[in-house]
Amino acid sequence: MIIETNGLFAILILIADIYAIFNVVPSRKPLGVKAAWIAAIIFLPIAGLIAWALFGPRQPKIS
């Protein structure tokens, strides 16, 4: 049962990481910033995903 739960958690993290990477690529950020986010997401899957969710995507300001 624990193995199945861990496997499900790993799949959910993988899906979330792929989603984050696909959102980083078309962003208007400089190439170096994109590369840094993608590297963080790939090499630190959970921490990189959390950091990207907190600091990466910006909502447009309504003026």
PDB file of N, CA and C in Angstrom:
ATOM      1  N   MET A   1       0.817  -1.192   0.000  1.00  0.00           N
ATOM      2  CA  MET A   1       0.000   0.000   0.000  1.00  0.00           C
ATOM      3  C   MET A   1       0.865   1.262   0.000  1.00  0.00           C
ATOM      4  N   ILE A   2       1.945   1.273   0.781  1.00  0.00           N
ATOM      5  CA  ILE A   2       2.819   2.438   0.842  1.00  0.00           C
ATOM      6  C   ILE A   2       3.499   2.662  -0.503  1.00  0.00           C
ATOM      7  N   ILE A   3       3.913   1.578  -1.149  1.00  0.00           N
ATOM      8  CA  ILE A   3       4.570   1.695  -2.446  1.00  0.00           C
ATOM      9  C   ILE A   3       3.619   2.305  -3.463  1.00  0.00           C
ATOM     10  N   GLU A   4       2.367   1.907  -3.443  1.00  0.00           N
ATOM     11  CA  GLU A   4       1.388   2.454  -4.378  1.00  0.00           C
ATOM     12  C   GLU A   4       1.160   3.937  -4.120  1.00  0.00           C
ATOM     13  N   THR A   5       1.122   4.333  -2.858  1.00  0.00           N
ATOM     14  CA  THR A   5       0.937   5.741  -2.514  1.00  0.00           C
ATOM     15  C   THR A   5       2.145   6.561  -2.950  1.00  0.00           C
ATOM     16  N   ASN A   6       3.342   6.040  -2.719  1.00  0.00           N
ATOM     17  CA  ASN A   6       4.550   6.739  -3.142  1.00  0.00           C
ATOM     18  C   ASN A   6       4.606   6.867  -4.657  1.00  0.00           C
ATOM     19  N   GLY A   7       4.204   5.822  -5.358  1.00  0.00           N
ATOM     20  CA  GLY A   7       4.181   5.866  -6.812  1.00  0.00           C
ATOM     21  C   GLY A   7       3.203   6.903  -7.330  1.00  0.00           C
ATOM     22  N   LEU A   8       2.045   6.985  -6.714  1.00  0.00           N
ATOM     23  CA  LEU A   8       1.049   7.977  -7.105  1.00  0.00           C
ATOM     24  C   LEU A   8       1.572   9.388  -6.839  1.00  0.00           C
ATOM     25  N   PHE A   9       2.200   9.582  -5.687  1.00  0.00           N
ATOM     26  CA  PHE A   9       2.788  10.880  -5.354  1.00  0.00           C
ATOM     27  C   PHE A   9       3.860  11.259  -6.374  1.00  0.00           C
ATOM     28  N   ALA A  10       4.693  10.308  -6.763  1.00  0.00           N
ATOM     29  CA  ALA A  10       5.750  10.568  -7.743  1.00  0.00           C
ATOM     30  C   ALA A  10       5.159  10.959  -9.094  1.00  0.00           C
ATOM     31  N   ILE A  11       4.103  10.294  -9.499  1.00  0.00           N
ATOM     32  CA  ILE A  11       3.451  10.624 -10.770  1.00  0.00           C
ATOM     33  C   ILE A  11       2.843  12.022 -10.716  1.00  0.00           C
ATOM     34  N   LEU A  12       2.224  12.378  -9.595  1.00  0.00           N
ATOM     35  CA  LEU A  12       1.644  13.714  -9.455  1.00  0.00           C
ATOM     36  C   LEU A  12       2.721  14.798  -9.494  1.00  0.00           C
ATOM     37  N   ILE A  13       3.853  14.542  -8.851  1.00  0.00           N
ATOM     38  CA  ILE A  13       4.969  15.495  -8.890  1.00  0.00           C
ATOM     39  C   ILE A  13       5.505  15.615 -10.312  1.00  0.00           C
ATOM     40  N   LEU A  14       5.633  14.501 -11.014  1.00  0.00           N
ATOM     41  CA  LEU A  14       6.109  14.524 -12.394  1.00  0.00           C
ATOM     42  C   LEU A  14       5.178  15.346 -13.280  1.00  0.00           C
ATOM     43  N   ILE A  15       3.884  15.139 -13.142  1.00  0.00           N
ATOM     44  CA  ILE A  15       2.907  15.898 -13.932  1.00  0.00           C
ATOM     45  C   ILE A  15       3.001  17.387 -13.605  1.00  0.00           C
ATOM     46  N   ALA A  16       3.112  17.720 -12.329  1.00  0.00           N
ATOM     47  CA  ALA A  16       3.232  19.126 -11.926  1.00  0.00           C
ATOM     48  C   ALA A  16       4.529  19.742 -12.453  1.00  0.00           C
ATOM     49  N   ASP A  17       5.624  18.982 -12.441  1.00  0.00           N
ATOM     50  CA  ASP A  17       6.894  19.477 -12.970  1.00  0.00           C
ATOM     51  C   ASP A  17       6.796  19.740 -14.471  1.00  0.00           C
ATOM     52  N   ILE A  18       6.185  18.831 -15.194  1.00  0.00           N
ATOM     53  CA  ILE A  18       6.011  19.017 -16.639  1.00  0.00           C
ATOM     54  C   ILE A  18       5.159  20.251 -16.912  1.00  0.00           C
ATOM     55  N   TYR A  19       4.096  20.428 -16.134  1.00  0.00           N
ATOM     56  CA  TYR A  19       3.242  21.616 -16.269  1.00  0.00           C
ATOM     57  C   TYR A  19       4.058  22.887 -16.036  1.00  0.00           C
ATOM     58  N   ALA A  20       4.879  22.889 -14.997  1.00  0.00           N
ATOM     59  CA  ALA A  20       5.690  24.068 -14.683  1.00  0.00           C
ATOM     60  C   ALA A  20       6.678  24.363 -15.808  1.00  0.00           C
ATOM     61  N   ILE A  21       7.327  23.337 -16.329  1.00  0.00           N
ATOM     62  CA  ILE A  21       8.293  23.538 -17.414  1.00  0.00           C
ATOM     63  C   ILE A  21       7.602  24.094 -18.649  1.00  0.00           C
ATOM     64  N   PHE A  22       6.430  23.565 -18.982  1.00  0.00           N
ATOM     65  CA  PHE A  22       5.703  24.064 -20.148  1.00  0.00           C
ATOM     66  C   PHE A  22       5.205  25.494 -19.938  1.00  0.00           C
ATOM     67  N   ASN A  23       5.102  25.950 -18.712  1.00  0.00           N
ATOM     68  CA  ASN A  23       4.748  27.342 -18.447  1.00  0.00           C
ATOM     69  C   ASN A  23       5.969  28.251 -18.429  1.00  0.00           C
ATOM     70  N   VAL A  24       7.123  27.711 -18.127  1.00  0.00           N
ATOM     71  CA  VAL A  24       8.353  28.506 -18.114  1.00  0.00           C
ATOM     72  C   VAL A  24       8.802  28.809 -19.541  1.00  0.00           C
ATOM     73  N   VAL A  25       8.740  27.833 -20.421  1.00  0.00           N
ATOM     74  CA  VAL A  25       9.301  27.970 -21.769  1.00  0.00           C
ATOM     75  C   VAL A  25       8.713  29.158 -22.541  1.00  0.00           C
ATOM     76  N   PRO A  26       7.395  29.340 -22.616  1.00  0.00           N
ATOM     77  CA  PRO A  26       6.890  30.467 -23.411  1.00  0.00           C
ATOM     78  C   PRO A  26       6.865  31.814 -22.675  1.00  0.00           C
ATOM     79  N   SER A  27       7.368  31.862 -21.456  1.00  0.00           N
ATOM     80  CA  SER A  27       7.324  33.114 -20.697  1.00  0.00           C
ATOM     81  C   SER A  27       8.227  34.164 -21.340  1.00  0.00           C
ATOM     82  N   ARG A  28       8.037  35.400 -20.946  1.00  0.00           N
ATOM     83  CA  ARG A  28       8.805  36.516 -21.506  1.00  0.00           C
ATOM     84  C   ARG A  28      10.095  36.783 -20.732  1.00  0.00           C
ATOM     85  N   LYS A  29      10.468  35.889 -19.868  1.00  0.00           N
ATOM     86  CA  LYS A  29      11.692  36.041 -19.076  1.00  0.00           C
ATOM     87  C   LYS A  29      12.916  35.848 -19.972  1.00  0.00           C
ATOM     88  N   PRO A  30      14.074  36.404 -19.575  1.00  0.00           N
ATOM     89  CA  PRO A  30      15.313  36.169 -20.330  1.00  0.00           C
ATOM     90  C   PRO A  30      15.674  34.677 -20.341  1.00  0.00           C
ATOM     91  N   LEU A  31      16.436  34.289 -21.340  1.00  0.00           N
ATOM     92  CA  LEU A  31      16.796  32.885 -21.524  1.00  0.00           C
ATOM     93  C   LEU A  31      17.500  32.305 -20.298  1.00  0.00           C
ATOM     94  N   GLY A  32      18.375  33.073 -19.672  1.00  0.00           N
ATOM     95  CA  GLY A  32      19.085  32.587 -18.489  1.00  0.00           C
ATOM     96  C   GLY A  32      18.150  32.298 -17.326  1.00  0.00           C
ATOM     97  N   VAL A  33      17.138  33.136 -17.153  1.00  0.00           N
ATOM     98  CA  VAL A  33      16.157  32.927 -16.082  1.00  0.00           C
ATOM     99  C   VAL A  33      15.340  31.674 -16.364  1.00  0.00           C
ATOM    100  N   LYS A  34      14.938  31.500 -17.620  1.00  0.00           N
ATOM    101  CA  LYS A  34      14.192  30.288 -17.999  1.00  0.00           C
ATOM    102  C   LYS A  34      15.024  29.041 -17.725  1.00  0.00           C
ATOM    103  N   ALA A  35      16.298  29.088 -18.127  1.00  0.00           N
ATOM    104  CA  ALA A  35      17.179  27.938 -17.926  1.00  0.00           C
ATOM    105  C   ALA A  35      17.346  27.630 -16.443  1.00  0.00           C
ATOM    106  N   ALA A  36      17.456  28.668 -15.625  1.00  0.00           N
ATOM    107  CA  ALA A  36      17.603  28.455 -14.181  1.00  0.00           C
ATOM    108  C   ALA A  36      16.347  27.814 -13.592  1.00  0.00           C
ATOM    109  N   TRP A  37      15.167  28.288 -13.994  1.00  0.00           N
ATOM    110  CA  TRP A  37      13.924  27.694 -13.487  1.00  0.00           C
ATOM    111  C   TRP A  37      13.792  26.240 -13.922  1.00  0.00           C
ATOM    112  N   ILE A  38      14.084  25.970 -15.188  1.00  0.00           N
ATOM    113  CA  ILE A  38      13.970  24.594 -15.683  1.00  0.00           C
ATOM    114  C   ILE A  38      14.958  23.686 -14.954  1.00  0.00           C
ATOM    115  N   ALA A  39      16.187  24.159 -14.742  1.00  0.00           N
ATOM    116  CA  ALA A  39      17.178  23.355 -14.011  1.00  0.00           C
ATOM    117  C   ALA A  39      16.715  23.096 -12.581  1.00  0.00           C
ATOM    118  N   ALA A  40      16.169  24.114 -11.935  1.00  0.00           N
ATOM    119  CA  ALA A  40      15.684  23.937 -10.558  1.00  0.00           C
ATOM    120  C   ALA A  40      14.547  22.930 -10.511  1.00  0.00           C
ATOM    121  N   ILE A  41      13.648  23.002 -11.476  1.00  0.00           N
ATOM    122  CA  ILE A  41      12.505  22.080 -11.498  1.00  0.00           C
ATOM    123  C   ILE A  41      12.961  20.650 -11.777  1.00  0.00           C
ATOM    124  N   ILE A  42      13.942  20.490 -12.657  1.00  0.00           N
ATOM    125  CA  ILE A  42      14.406  19.143 -13.012  1.00  0.00           C
ATOM    126  C   ILE A  42      15.262  18.532 -11.899  1.00  0.00           C
ATOM    127  N   PHE A  43      16.225  19.300 -11.366  1.00  0.00           N
ATOM    128  CA  PHE A  43      17.166  18.741 -10.395  1.00  0.00           C
ATOM    129  C   PHE A  43      16.651  18.742  -8.958  1.00  0.00           C
ATOM    130  N   LEU A  44      15.675  19.579  -8.662  1.00  0.00           N
ATOM    131  CA  LEU A  44      15.047  19.622  -7.335  1.00  0.00           C
ATOM    132  C   LEU A  44      13.533  19.570  -7.544  1.00  0.00           C
ATOM    133  N   PRO A  45      12.998  18.412  -7.912  1.00  0.00           N
ATOM    134  CA  PRO A  45      11.602  18.347  -8.359  1.00  0.00           C
ATOM    135  C   PRO A  45      10.587  18.959  -7.396  1.00  0.00           C
ATOM    136  N   ILE A  46      10.673  18.667  -6.134  1.00  0.00           N
ATOM    137  CA  ILE A  46       9.670  19.183  -5.196  1.00  0.00           C
ATOM    138  C   ILE A  46      10.005  20.620  -4.803  1.00  0.00           C
ATOM    139  N   ALA A  47      11.240  20.862  -4.388  1.00  0.00           N
ATOM    140  CA  ALA A  47      11.641  22.210  -3.971  1.00  0.00           C
ATOM    141  C   ALA A  47      11.586  23.191  -5.143  1.00  0.00           C
ATOM    142  N   GLY A  48      12.023  22.752  -6.318  1.00  0.00           N
ATOM    143  CA  GLY A  48      11.975  23.614  -7.499  1.00  0.00           C
ATOM    144  C   GLY A  48      10.555  23.958  -7.894  1.00  0.00           C
ATOM    145  N   LEU A  49       9.661  22.989  -7.790  1.00  0.00           N
ATOM    146  CA  LEU A  49       8.254  23.220  -8.114  1.00  0.00           C
ATOM    147  C   LEU A  49       7.626  24.206  -7.135  1.00  0.00           C
ATOM    148  N   ILE A  50       7.922  24.032  -5.855  1.00  0.00           N
ATOM    149  CA  ILE A  50       7.381  24.950  -4.845  1.00  0.00           C
ATOM    150  C   ILE A  50       7.937  26.358  -5.058  1.00  0.00           C
ATOM    151  N   ALA A  51       9.237  26.472  -5.311  1.00  0.00           N
ATOM    152  CA  ALA A  51       9.843  27.785  -5.547  1.00  0.00           C
ATOM    153  C   ALA A  51       9.236  28.445  -6.779  1.00  0.00           C
ATOM    154  N   TRP A  52       9.050  27.675  -7.855  1.00  0.00           N
ATOM    155  CA  TRP A  52       8.452  28.230  -9.066  1.00  0.00           C
ATOM    156  C   TRP A  52       7.020  28.691  -8.795  1.00  0.00           C
ATOM    157  N   ALA A  53       6.255  27.902  -8.055  1.00  0.00           N
ATOM    158  CA  ALA A  53       4.873  28.272  -7.760  1.00  0.00           C
ATOM    159  C   ALA A  53       4.804  29.558  -6.930  1.00  0.00           C
ATOM    160  N   LEU A  54       5.775  29.749  -6.040  1.00  0.00           N
ATOM    161  CA  LEU A  54       5.758  30.936  -5.186  1.00  0.00           C
ATOM    162  C   LEU A  54       6.345  32.175  -5.864  1.00  0.00           C
ATOM    163  N   PHE A  55       7.426  32.003  -6.624  1.00  0.00           N
ATOM    164  CA  PHE A  55       8.156  33.151  -7.146  1.00  0.00           C
ATOM    165  C   PHE A  55       8.152  33.278  -8.665  1.00  0.00           C
ATOM    166  N   GLY A  56       7.785  32.233  -9.382  1.00  0.00           N
ATOM    167  CA  GLY A  56       7.904  32.242 -10.834  1.00  0.00           C
ATOM    168  C   GLY A  56       6.791  32.947 -11.578  1.00  0.00           C
ATOM    169  N   PRO A  57       5.619  32.360 -11.622  1.00  0.00           N
ATOM    170  CA  PRO A  57       4.573  32.956 -12.468  1.00  0.00           C
ATOM    171  C   PRO A  57       4.030  34.249 -11.854  1.00  0.00           C
ATOM    172  N   ARG A  58       3.891  35.231 -12.685  1.00  0.00           N
ATOM    173  CA  ARG A  58       3.347  36.509 -12.232  1.00  0.00           C
ATOM    174  C   ARG A  58       2.035  36.771 -12.968  1.00  0.00           C
ATOM    175  N   GLN A  59       1.054  37.191 -12.227  1.00  0.00           N
ATOM    176  CA  GLN A  59      -0.219  37.563 -12.829  1.00  0.00           C
ATOM    177  C   GLN A  59      -0.096  38.993 -13.351  1.00  0.00           C
ATOM    178  N   PRO A  60      -0.689  39.268 -14.508  1.00  0.00           N
ATOM    179  CA  PRO A  60      -0.629  40.646 -15.013  1.00  0.00           C
ATOM    180  C   PRO A  60      -1.369  41.602 -14.078  1.00  0.00           C
ATOM    181  N   LYS A  61      -0.785  42.774 -13.888  1.00  0.00           N
ATOM    182  CA  LYS A  61      -1.414  43.768 -13.026  1.00  0.00           C
ATOM    183  C   LYS A  61      -2.537  44.463 -13.786  1.00  0.00           C
ATOM    184  N   ILE A  62      -3.649  44.621 -13.135  1.00  0.00           N
ATOM    185  CA  ILE A  62      -4.787  45.304 -13.741  1.00  0.00           C
ATOM    186  C   ILE A  62      -4.680  46.782 -13.380  1.00  0.00           C
ATOM    187  N   SER A  63      -4.660  47.625 -14.404  1.00  0.00           N
ATOM    188  CA  SER A  63      -4.540  49.056 -14.119  1.00  0.00           C
ATOM    189  C   SER A  63      -5.730  49.834 -14.617  1.00  0.00           C
TER     190      SER A  63
END
